[in-house]
């Protein structure tokens, strides 16, 4: 599942965006541009916008970070099912299908990504994180954020979705930043 990165919004003056926490996304994409009904049964890997979901239909909140909450429609199941995320600037939810969902902050991402033994090529979400990090932290690609990492983690989070509960060597990462889906990409 490779979605084209067709819409990229960068701050006009990177120095003017760095560390301001003004709430404007550094990067925005159209990976969640589709509008779907609640419980649409999306194929694994796709994330779309869903408005008008009743609280009873959300399921249970299972993890919260950086102003986003993931809801699981059937947390006792190990099968693929609908999940919702709130915390977006448009007031709508994002819907995706997964069997297992994890959330990781920027510090966790950097701890894994910048290990000298990590030879995995940069994914689309890694590349987009580097753009966000450079603008916010003022550091080059491949370097940790530094002193602003905690502040960046309050507005940026990774949501990782797996197609099965175990033995899965594929997954999809959704990068959420300042109330938008900044990127989505599959991993193998």
C-alpha atoms as a PDB file:
ATOM      1  CA  UNK A   1       0.000   0.000   0.000  1.00  0.00           C
ATOM      2  CA  UNK A   2       1.883   3.042  -1.166  1.00  0.00           C
ATOM      3  CA  UNK A   3      -0.126   6.226  -1.196  1.00  0.00           C
ATOM      4  CA  UNK A   4       1.158   9.117  -3.172  1.00  0.00           C
ATOM      5  CA  UNK A   5       2.286  12.076  -1.170  1.00  0.00           C
ATOM      6  CA  UNK A   6       0.405  14.608  -3.258  1.00  0.00           C
ATOM      7  CA  UNK A   7      -0.062  17.420  -0.823  1.00  0.00           C
ATOM      8  CA  UNK A   8       2.857  18.805   1.124  1.00  0.00           C
ATOM      9  CA  UNK A   9       2.548  21.953   3.154  1.00  0.00           C
ATOM     10  CA  UNK A  10       5.764  23.260   4.650  1.00  0.00           C
ATOM     11  CA  UNK A  11       6.177  26.329   6.774  1.00  0.00           C
ATOM     12  CA  UNK A  12       7.223  29.234   4.614  1.00  0.00           C
ATOM     13  CA  UNK A  13      10.032  30.083   6.934  1.00  0.00           C
ATOM     14  CA  UNK A  14      11.279  26.984   8.718  1.00  0.00           C
ATOM     15  CA  UNK A  15      12.892  29.026  11.475  1.00  0.00           C
ATOM     16  CA  UNK A  16       9.551  30.694  12.101  1.00  0.00           C
ATOM     17  CA  UNK A  17       7.904  27.339  12.747  1.00  0.00           C
ATOM     18  CA  UNK A  18      10.575  25.724  14.837  1.00  0.00           C
ATOM     19  CA  UNK A  19       9.405  25.217  18.359  1.00  0.00           C
ATOM     20  CA  UNK A  20       6.525  27.636  18.279  1.00  0.00           C
ATOM     21  CA  UNK A  21       3.895  25.012  19.045  1.00  0.00           C
ATOM     22  CA  UNK A  22       1.399  27.257  17.336  1.00  0.00           C
ATOM     23  CA  UNK A  23      -0.706  24.307  16.284  1.00  0.00           C
ATOM     24  CA  UNK A  24      -0.119  24.592  12.542  1.00  0.00           C
ATOM     25  CA  UNK A  25       0.977  21.318  10.965  1.00  0.00           C
ATOM     26  CA  UNK A  26       4.420  21.364   9.393  1.00  0.00           C
ATOM     27  CA  UNK A  27       3.356  18.634   6.965  1.00  0.00           C
ATOM     28  CA  UNK A  28      -0.098  17.629   5.788  1.00  0.00           C
ATOM     29  CA  UNK A  29      -1.094  14.962   3.289  1.00  0.00           C
ATOM     30  CA  UNK A  30      -4.260  13.700   1.680  1.00  0.00           C
ATOM     31  CA  UNK A  31      -3.934  10.042   2.774  1.00  0.00           C
ATOM     32  CA  UNK A  32      -7.153  10.389   4.784  1.00  0.00           C
ATOM     33  CA  UNK A  33      -9.071  12.420   2.191  1.00  0.00           C
ATOM     34  CA  UNK A  34     -11.714   9.767   1.633  1.00  0.00           C
ATOM     35  CA  UNK A  35     -15.004  10.163   3.506  1.00  0.00           C
ATOM     36  CA  UNK A  36     -16.542   6.909   4.723  1.00  0.00           C
ATOM     37  CA  UNK A  37     -19.517   5.925   6.840  1.00  0.00           C
ATOM     38  CA  UNK A  38     -19.010   4.579  10.355  1.00  0.00           C
ATOM     39  CA  UNK A  39     -18.131   0.873  10.278  1.00  0.00           C
ATOM     40  CA  UNK A  40     -17.349   1.021   6.553  1.00  0.00           C
ATOM     41  CA  UNK A  41     -15.197  -2.117   6.611  1.00  0.00           C
ATOM     42  CA  UNK A  42     -12.108  -0.520   5.110  1.00  0.00           C
ATOM     43  CA  UNK A  43      -9.405  -2.780   3.701  1.00  0.00           C
ATOM     44  CA  UNK A  44      -6.317  -3.100   5.901  1.00  0.00           C
ATOM     45  CA  UNK A  45      -3.905  -0.204   5.363  1.00  0.00           C
ATOM     46  CA  UNK A  46      -6.440   2.404   4.335  1.00  0.00           C
ATOM     47  CA  UNK A  47      -7.329   5.308   6.629  1.00  0.00           C
ATOM     48  CA  UNK A  48     -10.248   7.607   5.878  1.00  0.00           C
ATOM     49  CA  UNK A  49     -12.250  10.359   7.523  1.00  0.00           C
ATOM     50  CA  UNK A  50     -15.480   9.452   9.317  1.00  0.00           C
ATOM     51  CA  UNK A  51     -17.826  12.074  10.720  1.00  0.00           C
ATOM     52  CA  UNK A  52     -20.982  11.643  12.763  1.00  0.00           C
ATOM     53  CA  UNK A  53     -20.011   8.507  14.673  1.00  0.00           C
ATOM     54  CA  UNK A  54     -22.096   7.961  17.782  1.00  0.00           C
ATOM     55  CA  UNK A  55     -20.172   7.529  21.025  1.00  0.00           C
ATOM     56  CA  UNK A  56     -21.756   4.086  21.431  1.00  0.00           C
ATOM     57  CA  UNK A  57     -20.312   2.969  18.073  1.00  0.00           C
ATOM     58  CA  UNK A  58     -16.725   3.941  18.877  1.00  0.00           C
ATOM     59  CA  UNK A  59     -15.975   1.020  21.139  1.00  0.00           C
ATOM     60  CA  UNK A  60     -13.527   1.399  23.994  1.00  0.00           C
ATOM     61  CA  UNK A  61     -10.664   3.876  24.216  1.00  0.00           C
ATOM     62  CA  UNK A  62      -7.498   1.751  24.273  1.00  0.00           C
ATOM     63  CA  UNK A  63      -4.601   4.204  24.037  1.00  0.00           C
ATOM     64  CA  UNK A  64      -4.155   7.975  24.194  1.00  0.00           C
ATOM     65  CA  UNK A  65      -1.100  10.069  23.286  1.00  0.00           C
ATOM     66  CA  UNK A  66      -0.340  13.544  21.926  1.00  0.00           C
ATOM     67  CA  UNK A  67      -4.026  14.521  22.005  1.00  0.00           C
ATOM     68  CA  UNK A  68      -5.219  11.498  20.028  1.00  0.00           C
ATOM     69  CA  UNK A  69      -7.239   8.543  21.321  1.00  0.00           C
ATOM     70  CA  UNK A  70      -7.577   5.203  19.541  1.00  0.00           C
ATOM     71  CA  UNK A  71     -10.916   3.413  20.001  1.00  0.00           C
ATOM     72  CA  UNK A  72     -11.284  -0.320  19.414  1.00  0.00           C
ATOM     73  CA  UNK A  73     -14.755  -1.526  18.381  1.00  0.00           C
ATOM     74  CA  UNK A  74     -14.097  -4.984  19.857  1.00  0.00           C
ATOM     75  CA  UNK A  75     -11.017  -5.028  22.116  1.00  0.00           C
ATOM     76  CA  UNK A  76     -11.518  -8.685  23.107  1.00  0.00           C
ATOM     77  CA  UNK A  77     -11.129  -9.823  19.471  1.00  0.00           C
ATOM     78  CA  UNK A  78      -7.915 -10.788  17.688  1.00  0.00           C
ATOM     79  CA  UNK A  79      -9.541 -10.470  14.225  1.00  0.00           C
ATOM     80  CA  UNK A  80      -9.365  -7.417  11.998  1.00  0.00           C
ATOM     81  CA  UNK A  81     -11.974  -4.832  12.971  1.00  0.00           C
ATOM     82  CA  UNK A  82     -12.705  -1.119  12.779  1.00  0.00           C
ATOM     83  CA  UNK A  83     -10.687   1.295  14.883  1.00  0.00           C
ATOM     84  CA  UNK A  84     -11.261   5.024  15.222  1.00  0.00           C
ATOM     85  CA  UNK A  85      -8.937   7.862  16.195  1.00  0.00           C
ATOM     86  CA  UNK A  86     -10.068  11.257  17.492  1.00  0.00           C
ATOM     87  CA  UNK A  87      -8.135  14.482  18.049  1.00  0.00           C
ATOM     88  CA  UNK A  88      -8.169  15.950  14.532  1.00  0.00           C
ATOM     89  CA  UNK A  89      -8.588  19.638  13.755  1.00  0.00           C
ATOM     90  CA  UNK A  90     -11.638  19.035  11.544  1.00  0.00           C
ATOM     91  CA  UNK A  91     -13.539  17.451  14.455  1.00  0.00           C
ATOM     92  CA  UNK A  92     -14.032  14.170  12.592  1.00  0.00           C
ATOM     93  CA  UNK A  93     -12.573  10.765  13.366  1.00  0.00           C
ATOM     94  CA  UNK A  94     -10.234   8.666  11.279  1.00  0.00           C
ATOM     95  CA  UNK A  95     -11.213   5.061  10.644  1.00  0.00           C
ATOM     96  CA  UNK A  96      -8.955   2.130   9.791  1.00  0.00           C
ATOM     97  CA  UNK A  97      -9.004  -1.655  10.052  1.00  0.00           C
ATOM     98  CA  UNK A  98      -6.509  -3.676  12.087  1.00  0.00           C
ATOM     99  CA  UNK A  99      -6.175  -6.674  14.373  1.00  0.00           C
ATOM    100  CA  UNK A 100      -3.607  -4.997  16.655  1.00  0.00           C
ATOM    101  CA  UNK A 101      -2.795  -1.316  17.174  1.00  0.00           C
ATOM    102  CA  UNK A 102       0.141   0.282  18.987  1.00  0.00           C
ATOM    103  CA  UNK A 103       1.000   3.938  19.582  1.00  0.00           C
ATOM    104  CA  UNK A 104       4.532   5.277  19.845  1.00  0.00           C
ATOM    105  CA  UNK A 105       5.816   8.744  20.608  1.00  0.00           C
ATOM    106  CA  UNK A 106       8.649  10.600  18.891  1.00  0.00           C
ATOM    107  CA  UNK A 107      11.184   9.494  21.519  1.00  0.00           C
ATOM    108  CA  UNK A 108      10.370   5.819  20.899  1.00  0.00           C
ATOM    109  CA  UNK A 109      10.581   6.358  17.142  1.00  0.00           C
ATOM    110  CA  UNK A 110      13.968   8.064  17.418  1.00  0.00           C
ATOM    111  CA  UNK A 111      15.261   5.412  19.808  1.00  0.00           C
ATOM    112  CA  UNK A 112      14.566   2.711  17.218  1.00  0.00           C
ATOM    113  CA  UNK A 113      15.227   4.674  14.017  1.00  0.00           C
ATOM    114  CA  UNK A 114      18.636   6.062  15.007  1.00  0.00           C
ATOM    115  CA  UNK A 115      20.143   2.852  16.381  1.00  0.00           C
ATOM    116  CA  UNK A 116      23.395   2.193  14.487  1.00  0.00           C
ATOM    117  CA  UNK A 117      22.227  -1.384  13.880  1.00  0.00           C
ATOM    118  CA  UNK A 118      18.985  -0.262  12.206  1.00  0.00           C
ATOM    119  CA  UNK A 119      19.672  -0.753   8.499  1.00  0.00           C
ATOM    120  CA  UNK A 120      16.003  -0.635   7.474  1.00  0.00           C
ATOM    121  CA  UNK A 121      15.446   1.865   4.629  1.00  0.00           C
ATOM    122  CA  UNK A 122      13.496   4.992   5.516  1.00  0.00           C
ATOM    123  CA  UNK A 123       9.767   4.557   4.969  1.00  0.00           C
ATOM    124  CA  UNK A 124       7.406   7.319   3.854  1.00  0.00           C
ATOM    125  CA  UNK A 125       6.469   7.937   7.491  1.00  0.00           C
ATOM    126  CA  UNK A 126      10.162   8.088   8.472  1.00  0.00           C
ATOM    127  CA  UNK A 127      10.836  10.648   5.729  1.00  0.00           C
ATOM    128  CA  UNK A 128       7.860  12.778   6.724  1.00  0.00           C
ATOM    129  CA  UNK A 129       8.888  12.631  10.379  1.00  0.00           C
ATOM    130  CA  UNK A 130      12.322  13.918   9.342  1.00  0.00           C
ATOM    131  CA  UNK A 131      10.672  16.949   7.673  1.00  0.00           C
ATOM    132  CA  UNK A 132       8.556  17.652  10.758  1.00  0.00           C
ATOM    133  CA  UNK A 133      11.506  17.148  13.103  1.00  0.00           C
ATOM    134  CA  UNK A 134      13.804  19.385  11.059  1.00  0.00           C
ATOM    135  CA  UNK A 135      11.271  22.223  11.066  1.00  0.00           C
ATOM    136  CA  UNK A 136      10.355  21.866  14.722  1.00  0.00           C
ATOM    137  CA  UNK A 137      13.701  20.936  16.267  1.00  0.00           C
ATOM    138  CA  UNK A 138      16.069  22.611  13.803  1.00  0.00           C
ATOM    139  CA  UNK A 139      18.213  19.502  13.348  1.00  0.00           C
ATOM    140  CA  UNK A 140      19.208  17.672  10.145  1.00  0.00           C
ATOM    141  CA  UNK A 141      17.791  14.377   8.933  1.00  0.00           C
ATOM    142  CA  UNK A 142      19.099  11.371  10.815  1.00  0.00           C
ATOM    143  CA  UNK A 143      19.844  13.345  13.984  1.00  0.00           C
ATOM    144  CA  UNK A 144      17.772  13.218  17.188  1.00  0.00           C
ATOM    145  CA  UNK A 145      15.504  16.158  17.983  1.00  0.00           C
ATOM    146  CA  UNK A 146      17.324  17.049  21.169  1.00  0.00           C
ATOM    147  CA  UNK A 147      15.949  19.442  23.780  1.00  0.00           C
ATOM    148  CA  UNK A 148      12.596  19.936  22.012  1.00  0.00           C
ATOM    149  CA  UNK A 149      11.765  16.212  21.843  1.00  0.00           C
ATOM    150  CA  UNK A 150       9.239  16.274  24.698  1.00  0.00           C
ATOM    151  CA  UNK A 151       7.431  19.227  23.134  1.00  0.00           C
ATOM    152  CA  UNK A 152       7.427  17.507  19.723  1.00  0.00           C
ATOM    153  CA  UNK A 153       6.028  14.337  21.329  1.00  0.00           C
ATOM    154  CA  UNK A 154       3.098  16.326  22.723  1.00  0.00           C
ATOM    155  CA  UNK A 155       1.943  17.030  19.156  1.00  0.00           C
ATOM    156  CA  UNK A 156       3.274  14.102  17.107  1.00  0.00           C
ATOM    157  CA  UNK A 157       2.617  10.362  17.414  1.00  0.00           C
ATOM    158  CA  UNK A 158       2.928   7.168  15.390  1.00  0.00           C
ATOM    159  CA  UNK A 159       0.027   4.704  15.227  1.00  0.00           C
ATOM    160  CA  UNK A 160       1.067   1.267  14.010  1.00  0.00           C
ATOM    161  CA  UNK A 161      -1.619  -1.107  12.719  1.00  0.00           C
ATOM    162  CA  UNK A 162      -1.075  -4.837  12.177  1.00  0.00           C
ATOM    163  CA  UNK A 163      -3.218  -7.134   9.989  1.00  0.00           C
ATOM    164  CA  UNK A 164      -3.008 -10.017  12.481  1.00  0.00           C
ATOM    165  CA  UNK A 165      -2.565 -10.322  16.215  1.00  0.00           C
ATOM    166  CA  UNK A 166       0.645 -12.344  15.929  1.00  0.00           C
ATOM    167  CA  UNK A 167       3.171 -13.545  13.375  1.00  0.00           C
ATOM    168  CA  UNK A 168       2.794 -10.426  11.254  1.00  0.00           C
ATOM    169  CA  UNK A 169       5.796  -9.217   9.274  1.00  0.00           C
ATOM    170  CA  UNK A 170       3.824  -6.372   7.684  1.00  0.00           C
ATOM    171  CA  UNK A 171       2.243  -3.320   9.244  1.00  0.00           C
ATOM    172  CA  UNK A 172       1.064   0.198   8.445  1.00  0.00           C
ATOM    173  CA  UNK A 173       2.254   3.332  10.205  1.00  0.00           C
ATOM    174  CA  UNK A 174       0.121   6.439  10.473  1.00  0.00           C
ATOM    175  CA  UNK A 175       2.008   9.593  11.474  1.00  0.00           C
ATOM    176  CA  UNK A 176      -0.255  12.079  13.262  1.00  0.00           C
ATOM    177  CA  UNK A 177       0.949  15.645  13.748  1.00  0.00           C
ATOM    178  CA  UNK A 178      -0.804  18.816  14.937  1.00  0.00           C
ATOM    179  CA  UNK A 179      -4.312  17.453  14.349  1.00  0.00           C
ATOM    180  CA  UNK A 180      -3.788  15.912  10.892  1.00  0.00           C
ATOM    181  CA  UNK A 181      -2.628  12.652   9.346  1.00  0.00           C
ATOM    182  CA  UNK A 182       0.774  13.719   8.070  1.00  0.00           C
ATOM    183  CA  UNK A 183       1.598  10.400   6.373  1.00  0.00           C
ATOM    184  CA  UNK A 184       0.655   6.741   6.073  1.00  0.00           C
ATOM    185  CA  UNK A 185       2.822   3.986   4.761  1.00  0.00           C
ATOM    186  CA  UNK A 186       3.237   0.246   4.827  1.00  0.00           C
ATOM    187  CA  UNK A 187       6.236  -1.605   6.155  1.00  0.00           C
ATOM    188  CA  UNK A 188       7.680  -5.002   5.358  1.00  0.00           C
END
